[in-house]
Amino acid sequence: MPILSTFFGIIIRMWHDDHPPPHIHAAYQGFEALVDIQTGLVAEGFLPKKAAKIVKEWCLDHQEELLKNWELAQRFEPLERIPGADYDD
């Protein structure tokens, strides 16, 4: 699964040809969650409260880029990296 971004120990990934609705997979210290791109909320799984808040804010800040990557993923095209919340690539 391609990594879109990493920040504060959080890894953001997206599967090619994944099921709707548009979402990302976030992993942090052994926790994993499926996060809705439209709302930034955890739809499945679990993230600690602080990590979930960071992922939500990042997701909403980069919603346009994430949705573009979602479309690319549906067509099995290469995905683009997105800067992290800590401004690290």
Protein backbone atom coordinates (compact mmCIF):
# COMPACT_ATOMS: atom_id res chain seq x y z
CA MET A 1 0.00 0.00 0.00
CA PRO A 2 1.62 3.29 -1.07
CA ILE A 3 2.60 5.74 1.66
CA LEU A 4 1.22 9.22 1.00
CA SER A 5 2.69 10.95 4.03
CA THR A 6 4.38 10.46 7.39
CA PHE A 7 4.33 12.88 10.31
CA PHE A 8 4.68 12.67 14.09
CA GLY A 9 5.07 8.90 13.80
CA ILE A 10 1.79 8.60 11.87
CA ILE A 11 1.85 6.80 8.53
CA ILE A 12 -0.81 7.65 5.95
CA ARG A 13 -1.47 5.13 3.18
CA MET A 14 -3.97 4.55 0.39
CA TRP A 15 -4.79 1.33 -1.46
CA HIS A 16 -5.21 1.22 -5.21
CA ASP A 17 -8.79 0.35 -6.27
CA ASP A 18 -10.05 0.48 -2.66
CA HIS A 19 -13.75 0.47 -1.75
CA PRO A 20 -15.77 3.70 -1.37
CA PRO A 21 -16.22 6.08 0.31
CA PRO A 22 -12.89 7.83 -0.32
CA HIS A 23 -10.63 7.18 2.67
CA ILE A 24 -7.07 6.83 3.90
CA HIS A 25 -5.46 4.30 6.20
CA ALA A 26 -3.66 5.81 9.21
CA ALA A 27 -1.28 3.85 11.44
CA TYR A 28 0.25 5.02 14.71
CA GLN A 29 2.10 2.99 17.36
CA GLY A 30 0.30 -0.26 16.57
CA PHE A 31 -3.12 1.34 16.08
CA GLU A 32 -4.75 1.45 12.67
CA ALA A 33 -7.79 3.29 11.38
CA LEU A 34 -9.66 3.96 8.19
CA VAL A 35 -10.30 7.73 7.97
CA ASP A 36 -12.97 9.31 5.78
CA ILE A 37 -11.43 11.96 3.51
CA GLN A 38 -14.59 14.10 3.46
CA THR A 39 -14.91 14.39 7.26
CA GLY A 40 -11.49 13.46 8.62
CA LEU A 41 -13.22 11.15 11.10
CA VAL A 42 -12.20 7.60 11.97
CA ALA A 43 -14.70 5.33 10.19
CA GLU A 44 -13.19 2.01 11.28
CA GLY A 45 -10.47 1.00 13.70
CA PHE A 46 -8.95 3.22 16.37
CA LEU A 47 -6.36 5.96 16.84
CA PRO A 48 -5.45 7.58 20.17
CA LYS A 49 -7.33 10.85 20.69
CA LYS A 50 -4.38 13.17 19.96
CA ALA A 51 -3.32 11.22 16.84
CA ALA A 52 -6.92 11.17 15.58
CA LYS A 53 -7.13 14.96 15.99
CA ILE A 54 -3.88 15.50 14.09
CA VAL A 55 -4.97 13.16 11.29
CA LYS A 56 -8.38 14.87 11.05
CA GLU A 57 -6.85 18.35 10.75
CA TRP A 58 -4.27 17.14 8.22
CA CYS A 59 -6.91 15.30 6.21
CA LEU A 60 -9.17 18.35 5.99
CA ASP A 61 -6.20 20.62 5.14
CA HIS A 62 -5.18 18.29 2.29
CA GLN A 63 -8.63 17.13 1.20
CA GLU A 64 -8.20 18.23 -2.42
CA GLU A 65 -4.86 16.40 -2.76
CA LEU A 66 -6.28 13.30 -1.09
CA LEU A 67 -9.29 13.21 -3.39
CA LYS A 68 -6.98 13.60 -6.39
CA ASN A 69 -4.94 10.65 -5.13
CA TRP A 70 -8.17 8.68 -4.59
CA GLU A 71 -9.04 9.18 -8.27
CA LEU A 72 -5.52 8.15 -9.31
CA ALA A 73 -5.75 5.05 -7.11
CA GLN A 74 -9.05 4.03 -8.69
CA ARG A 75 -7.27 4.03 -12.06
CA PHE A 76 -4.21 2.16 -10.68
CA GLU A 77 -1.99 5.17 -11.39
CA PRO A 78 0.97 6.27 -9.25
CA LEU A 79 0.01 8.32 -6.20
CA GLU A 80 1.56 11.61 -5.18
CA ARG A 81 3.21 12.27 -1.81
CA ILE A 82 1.61 14.92 0.39
CA PRO A 83 3.57 17.00 2.93
CA GLY A 84 3.01 15.96 6.52
CA ALA A 85 1.52 17.97 9.36
CA ASP A 86 5.06 18.58 10.55
CA TYR A 87 5.95 19.87 7.05
CA ASP A 88 8.27 16.93 6.50
CA ASP A 89 8.07 14.96 3.27
